[in-house]
Amino acid sequence: EVQLVESGGGLVQPGGSLRLSCAASGFAFSTYPMTWVRQPPGKGLEWVSSIDSRGDRTSYASSVQGRFTISRDNAKNTLYLHINSLNPGDTAVYYCSKGWGPGIGPGGQGTQVTVSS
């Protein structure tokens, strides 16, 4: 059974940073590209970033380019999202998923990120 468990969210002030994690199990993690998506309050899912299976290729939404960094540790079956310079517009539930690119749905239960002073 595929399981994706996100963690690392929380309440952070504008300008702050967080590291989100996604622990994967039940499939060959190192052979799949992975994606982060998010859902702001009252809005639909937004694609955030994707990474290929080896971590050699990444892609970002324009709204997060330069502030977010996606990475993975295949030895630990874990996906990461490093978030810097947070602003209120980044408030959302963040999900990880198997696969590449926009159109990927949420894979786990998500982790809440709230940016507020």
N, C-alpha and C. Protein backbone atom coordinates (compact mmCIF):
# COMPACT_ATOMS: atom_id res chain seq x y z
N GLU A 1 0.84 -1.19 0.00
CA GLU A 1 0.00 0.00 0.00
C GLU A 1 0.88 1.25 0.00
N VAL A 2 0.60 2.12 -0.93
CA VAL A 2 1.34 3.38 -1.00
C VAL A 2 0.96 4.27 0.18
N GLN A 3 1.97 4.75 0.88
CA GLN A 3 1.73 5.71 1.94
C GLN A 3 2.67 6.90 1.79
N LEU A 4 2.11 8.08 1.91
CA LEU A 4 2.87 9.32 1.88
C LEU A 4 2.45 10.13 3.10
N VAL A 5 3.41 10.45 3.95
CA VAL A 5 3.11 11.14 5.20
C VAL A 5 3.90 12.44 5.24
N GLU A 6 3.16 13.55 5.12
CA GLU A 6 3.79 14.87 5.15
C GLU A 6 3.92 15.37 6.59
N SER A 7 4.96 16.16 6.83
CA SER A 7 5.17 16.76 8.14
C SER A 7 6.02 18.02 8.00
N GLY A 8 6.12 18.78 9.08
CA GLY A 8 6.98 19.94 9.09
C GLY A 8 6.28 21.27 8.98
N GLY A 9 4.98 21.26 8.78
CA GLY A 9 4.25 22.51 8.69
C GLY A 9 4.12 23.19 10.04
N GLY A 10 3.55 24.38 10.02
CA GLY A 10 3.35 25.11 11.26
C GLY A 10 3.00 26.55 11.00
N LEU A 11 2.98 27.32 12.08
CA LEU A 11 2.72 28.76 12.01
C LEU A 11 4.07 29.48 11.97
N VAL A 12 4.25 30.32 10.98
CA VAL A 12 5.52 31.02 10.82
C VAL A 12 5.25 32.47 10.44
N GLN A 13 6.12 33.36 10.87
CA GLN A 13 5.98 34.78 10.53
C GLN A 13 6.42 35.04 9.09
N PRO A 14 5.88 36.07 8.48
CA PRO A 14 6.35 36.45 7.13
C PRO A 14 7.86 36.60 7.11
N GLY A 15 8.46 36.08 6.06
CA GLY A 15 9.90 36.11 5.94
C GLY A 15 10.59 34.89 6.51
N GLY A 16 9.85 34.06 7.21
CA GLY A 16 10.42 32.89 7.84
C GLY A 16 10.64 31.74 6.88
N SER A 17 11.12 30.63 7.47
CA SER A 17 11.46 29.45 6.67
C SER A 17 10.91 28.19 7.33
N LEU A 18 10.72 27.19 6.51
CA LEU A 18 10.31 25.88 6.99
C LEU A 18 10.93 24.82 6.11
N ARG A 19 11.03 23.60 6.64
CA ARG A 19 11.37 22.45 5.83
C ARG A 19 10.26 21.42 5.98
N LEU A 20 9.60 21.13 4.89
CA LEU A 20 8.57 20.10 4.87
C LEU A 20 9.20 18.78 4.47
N SER A 21 8.67 17.71 5.04
CA SER A 21 9.15 16.36 4.72
C SER A 21 7.98 15.49 4.29
N CYS A 22 8.29 14.50 3.47
CA CYS A 22 7.29 13.53 3.03
C CYS A 22 7.94 12.16 3.11
N ALA A 23 7.47 11.36 4.04
CA ALA A 23 7.99 10.01 4.20
C ALA A 23 7.17 9.05 3.34
N ALA A 24 7.85 8.32 2.46
CA ALA A 24 7.18 7.45 1.51
C ALA A 24 7.41 5.98 1.85
N SER A 25 6.40 5.17 1.61
CA SER A 25 6.52 3.74 1.80
C SER A 25 5.53 3.02 0.90
N GLY A 26 5.77 1.73 0.68
CA GLY A 26 4.83 0.93 -0.10
C GLY A 26 5.06 0.93 -1.59
N PHE A 27 6.11 1.61 -2.04
CA PHE A 27 6.45 1.60 -3.46
C PHE A 27 7.95 1.90 -3.60
N ALA A 28 8.46 1.70 -4.80
CA ALA A 28 9.89 1.91 -5.05
C ALA A 28 10.15 3.40 -5.24
N PHE A 29 10.29 4.08 -4.12
CA PHE A 29 10.41 5.55 -4.10
C PHE A 29 11.49 6.05 -5.06
N SER A 30 12.62 5.39 -5.08
CA SER A 30 13.76 5.91 -5.86
C SER A 30 13.54 5.85 -7.36
N THR A 31 12.49 5.19 -7.80
CA THR A 31 12.23 5.07 -9.24
C THR A 31 11.14 6.02 -9.73
N TYR A 32 10.56 6.81 -8.84
CA TYR A 32 9.46 7.70 -9.22
C TYR A 32 9.82 9.17 -9.09
N PRO A 33 9.40 9.99 -10.04
CA PRO A 33 9.43 11.42 -9.80
C PRO A 33 8.41 11.74 -8.71
N MET A 34 8.63 12.86 -8.04
CA MET A 34 7.74 13.25 -6.95
C MET A 34 7.38 14.72 -7.08
N THR A 35 6.28 15.07 -6.49
CA THR A 35 5.72 16.42 -6.65
C THR A 35 5.17 16.93 -5.33
N TRP A 36 5.27 18.23 -5.14
CA TRP A 36 4.57 18.93 -4.07
C TRP A 36 3.45 19.76 -4.72
N VAL A 37 2.28 19.68 -4.11
CA VAL A 37 1.17 20.55 -4.47
C VAL A 37 0.66 21.19 -3.19
N ARG A 38 -0.13 22.25 -3.34
CA ARG A 38 -0.68 22.90 -2.15
C ARG A 38 -2.10 23.37 -2.43
N GLN A 39 -2.86 23.54 -1.37
CA GLN A 39 -4.22 24.04 -1.49
C GLN A 39 -4.43 25.18 -0.50
N PRO A 40 -4.44 26.41 -1.01
CA PRO A 40 -4.73 27.55 -0.15
C PRO A 40 -6.17 27.51 0.35
N PRO A 41 -6.46 28.17 1.44
CA PRO A 41 -7.83 28.15 1.97
C PRO A 41 -8.83 28.69 0.96
N GLY A 42 -9.86 27.94 0.70
CA GLY A 42 -10.92 28.36 -0.20
C GLY A 42 -10.57 28.29 -1.68
N LYS A 43 -9.41 27.71 -2.01
CA LYS A 43 -8.98 27.65 -3.41
C LYS A 43 -8.68 26.22 -3.82
N GLY A 44 -8.43 26.03 -5.10
CA GLY A 44 -8.11 24.72 -5.61
C GLY A 44 -6.65 24.36 -5.43
N LEU A 45 -6.32 23.13 -5.85
CA LEU A 45 -4.95 22.66 -5.75
C LEU A 45 -4.03 23.44 -6.70
N GLU A 46 -2.84 23.73 -6.22
CA GLU A 46 -1.82 24.39 -7.02
C GLU A 46 -0.58 23.51 -7.07
N TRP A 47 -0.05 23.30 -8.24
CA TRP A 47 1.22 22.62 -8.37
C TRP A 47 2.32 23.54 -7.86
N VAL A 48 3.25 23.00 -7.07
CA VAL A 48 4.34 23.79 -6.51
C VAL A 48 5.68 23.43 -7.15
N SER A 49 6.01 22.14 -7.15
CA SER A 49 7.33 21.74 -7.62
C SER A 49 7.37 20.25 -7.87
N SER A 50 8.27 19.84 -8.77
CA SER A 50 8.48 18.42 -9.05
C SER A 50 9.97 18.12 -9.14
N ILE A 51 10.32 16.88 -8.88
CA ILE A 51 11.71 16.44 -8.95
C ILE A 51 11.74 15.06 -9.59
N ASP A 52 12.76 14.80 -10.41
CA ASP A 52 12.83 13.49 -11.04
C ASP A 52 13.33 12.45 -10.05
N SER A 53 13.39 11.21 -10.50
CA SER A 53 13.63 10.10 -9.57
C SER A 53 15.01 10.17 -8.91
N ARG A 54 15.99 10.73 -9.62
CA ARG A 54 17.34 10.77 -9.05
C ARG A 54 17.67 12.11 -8.43
N GLY A 55 16.76 13.07 -8.58
CA GLY A 55 17.03 14.40 -8.04
C GLY A 55 17.85 15.27 -8.96
N ASP A 56 18.02 14.85 -10.21
CA ASP A 56 18.83 15.61 -11.15
C ASP A 56 18.07 16.76 -11.80
N ARG A 57 16.77 16.63 -11.89
CA ARG A 57 15.96 17.64 -12.59
C ARG A 57 14.82 18.09 -11.69
N THR A 58 14.65 19.40 -11.61
CA THR A 58 13.58 19.97 -10.80
C THR A 58 12.82 21.01 -11.62
N SER A 59 11.61 21.30 -11.18
CA SER A 59 10.80 22.32 -11.82
C SER A 59 9.94 22.98 -10.76
N TYR A 60 9.69 24.30 -10.94
CA TYR A 60 8.98 25.07 -9.94
C TYR A 60 7.90 25.94 -10.58
N ALA A 61 6.83 26.15 -9.83
CA ALA A 61 5.86 27.15 -10.24
C ALA A 61 6.51 28.53 -10.14
N SER A 62 6.09 29.43 -11.00
CA SER A 62 6.70 30.76 -11.03
C SER A 62 6.52 31.49 -9.70
N SER A 63 5.43 31.19 -8.99
CA SER A 63 5.14 31.88 -7.73
C SER A 63 6.10 31.50 -6.61
N VAL A 64 6.82 30.39 -6.77
CA VAL A 64 7.72 29.95 -5.71
C VAL A 64 9.17 29.87 -6.17
N GLN A 65 9.40 30.07 -7.46
CA GLN A 65 10.76 29.99 -8.00
C GLN A 65 11.69 30.92 -7.24
N GLY A 66 12.83 30.40 -6.83
CA GLY A 66 13.81 31.20 -6.11
C GLY A 66 13.61 31.22 -4.60
N ARG A 67 12.46 30.78 -4.13
CA ARG A 67 12.20 30.76 -2.68
C ARG A 67 12.08 29.34 -2.15
N PHE A 68 11.61 28.43 -2.96
CA PHE A 68 11.39 27.05 -2.57
C PHE A 68 12.46 26.17 -3.23
N THR A 69 12.87 25.11 -2.51
CA THR A 69 13.80 24.14 -3.06
C THR A 69 13.30 22.73 -2.76
N ILE A 70 13.10 21.96 -3.80
CA ILE A 70 12.68 20.57 -3.64
C ILE A 70 13.92 19.69 -3.66
N SER A 71 13.92 18.66 -2.83
CA SER A 71 15.03 17.72 -2.81
C SER A 71 14.52 16.37 -2.32
N ARG A 72 15.38 15.38 -2.42
CA ARG A 72 14.97 14.04 -1.98
C ARG A 72 16.19 13.28 -1.49
N ASP A 73 15.93 12.33 -0.59
CA ASP A 73 16.94 11.41 -0.11
C ASP A 73 16.42 10.01 -0.38
N ASN A 74 16.86 9.42 -1.45
CA ASN A 74 16.34 8.10 -1.83
C ASN A 74 16.74 7.01 -0.84
N ALA A 75 17.83 7.20 -0.13
CA ALA A 75 18.23 6.22 0.88
C ALA A 75 17.26 6.22 2.06
N LYS A 76 16.62 7.35 2.29
CA LYS A 76 15.67 7.46 3.40
C LYS A 76 14.22 7.47 2.93
N ASN A 77 14.00 7.30 1.62
CA ASN A 77 12.63 7.33 1.06
C ASN A 77 11.88 8.59 1.50
N THR A 78 12.55 9.70 1.41
CA THR A 78 11.97 10.96 1.90
C THR A 78 12.14 12.08 0.88
N LEU A 79 11.07 12.82 0.72
CA LEU A 79 11.03 14.01 -0.13
C LEU A 79 10.99 15.24 0.77
N TYR A 80 11.63 16.31 0.33
CA TYR A 80 11.68 17.54 1.12
C TYR A 80 11.23 18.74 0.29
N LEU A 81 10.78 19.76 1.00
CA LEU A 81 10.54 21.06 0.39
C LEU A 81 11.04 22.12 1.37
N HIS A 82 12.11 22.79 0.97
CA HIS A 82 12.66 23.88 1.77
C HIS A 82 12.00 25.17 1.31
N ILE A 83 11.40 25.88 2.26
CA ILE A 83 10.63 27.07 1.92
C ILE A 83 11.26 28.27 2.63
N ASN A 84 11.65 29.26 1.86
CA ASN A 84 12.22 30.49 2.42
C ASN A 84 11.35 31.69 2.06
N SER A 85 11.59 32.77 2.74
CA SER A 85 10.91 34.04 2.47
C SER A 85 9.40 33.85 2.37
N LEU A 86 8.86 33.17 3.36
CA LEU A 86 7.43 32.90 3.33
C LEU A 86 6.61 34.18 3.39
N ASN A 87 5.50 34.18 2.68
CA ASN A 87 4.56 35.29 2.72
C ASN A 87 3.15 34.74 2.91
N PRO A 88 2.20 35.59 3.28
CA PRO A 88 0.85 35.09 3.57
C PRO A 88 0.23 34.31 2.41
N GLY A 89 0.64 34.61 1.19
CA GLY A 89 0.14 33.88 0.04
C GLY A 89 0.58 32.44 -0.03
N ASP A 90 1.55 32.07 0.82
CA ASP A 90 2.00 30.68 0.87
C ASP A 90 1.19 29.85 1.86
N THR A 91 0.28 30.48 2.57
CA THR A 91 -0.58 29.75 3.50
C THR A 91 -1.41 28.72 2.74
N ALA A 92 -1.28 27.46 3.13
CA ALA A 92 -1.95 26.38 2.41
C ALA A 92 -1.70 25.07 3.13
N VAL A 93 -2.44 24.05 2.72
CA VAL A 93 -2.10 22.68 3.08
C VAL A 93 -1.20 22.15 1.97
N TYR A 94 -0.05 21.62 2.36
CA TYR A 94 0.93 21.14 1.40
C TYR A 94 0.88 19.61 1.38
N TYR A 95 0.86 19.08 0.15
CA TYR A 95 0.79 17.63 -0.06
C TYR A 95 1.93 17.17 -0.96
N CYS A 96 2.40 15.97 -0.74
CA CYS A 96 3.33 15.35 -1.69
C CYS A 96 2.58 14.27 -2.46
N SER A 97 3.10 13.96 -3.64
CA SER A 97 2.46 12.98 -4.50
C SER A 97 3.49 12.30 -5.38
N LYS A 98 3.16 11.09 -5.84
CA LYS A 98 3.97 10.42 -6.85
C LYS A 98 3.68 11.05 -8.19
N GLY A 99 4.71 11.17 -9.00
CA GLY A 99 4.51 11.66 -10.34
C GLY A 99 5.13 13.02 -10.57
N TRP A 100 5.01 13.48 -11.81
CA TRP A 100 5.68 14.73 -12.22
C TRP A 100 4.67 15.73 -12.75
N GLY A 101 4.78 16.97 -12.29
CA GLY A 101 4.14 18.07 -12.95
C GLY A 101 2.74 18.41 -12.51
N PRO A 102 2.22 19.51 -13.08
CA PRO A 102 0.84 19.90 -12.78
C PRO A 102 -0.15 18.80 -13.14
N GLY A 103 -1.24 18.76 -12.42
CA GLY A 103 -2.24 17.75 -12.66
C GLY A 103 -2.16 16.58 -11.70
N ILE A 104 -1.06 16.54 -10.93
CA ILE A 104 -0.93 15.48 -9.94
C ILE A 104 -1.78 15.83 -8.73
N GLY A 105 -2.55 14.89 -8.23
CA GLY A 105 -3.39 15.13 -7.06
C GLY A 105 -2.62 14.89 -5.79
N PRO A 106 -3.22 15.23 -4.65
CA PRO A 106 -2.55 15.04 -3.36
C PRO A 106 -2.39 13.56 -3.05
N GLY A 107 -1.25 13.22 -2.37
CA GLY A 107 -1.00 11.82 -2.08
C GLY A 107 -1.21 11.44 -0.64
N GLY A 108 -0.97 12.41 0.27
CA GLY A 108 -1.08 12.11 1.70
C GLY A 108 -2.15 12.96 2.35
N GLN A 109 -2.04 13.09 3.67
CA GLN A 109 -3.03 13.86 4.41
C GLN A 109 -2.69 15.35 4.47
N GLY A 110 -1.48 15.68 4.08
CA GLY A 110 -1.06 17.07 4.02
C GLY A 110 -0.51 17.61 5.33
N THR A 111 0.19 18.73 5.22
CA THR A 111 0.68 19.44 6.39
C THR A 111 0.36 20.92 6.22
N GLN A 112 -0.17 21.53 7.25
CA GLN A 112 -0.64 22.90 7.19
C GLN A 112 0.51 23.88 7.39
N VAL A 113 0.62 24.83 6.49
CA VAL A 113 1.56 25.94 6.64
C VAL A 113 0.74 27.22 6.74
N THR A 114 0.94 27.95 7.81
CA THR A 114 0.24 29.22 8.01
C THR A 114 1.26 30.31 8.21
N VAL A 115 1.18 31.33 7.38
CA VAL A 115 2.11 32.46 7.45
C VAL A 115 1.34 33.67 7.95
N SER A 116 1.70 34.11 9.13
CA SER A 116 0.97 35.21 9.74
C SER A 116 1.83 35.86 10.81
N SER A 117 1.66 37.18 10.96
CA SER A 117 2.37 37.87 12.03
C SER A 117 1.51 37.96 13.27
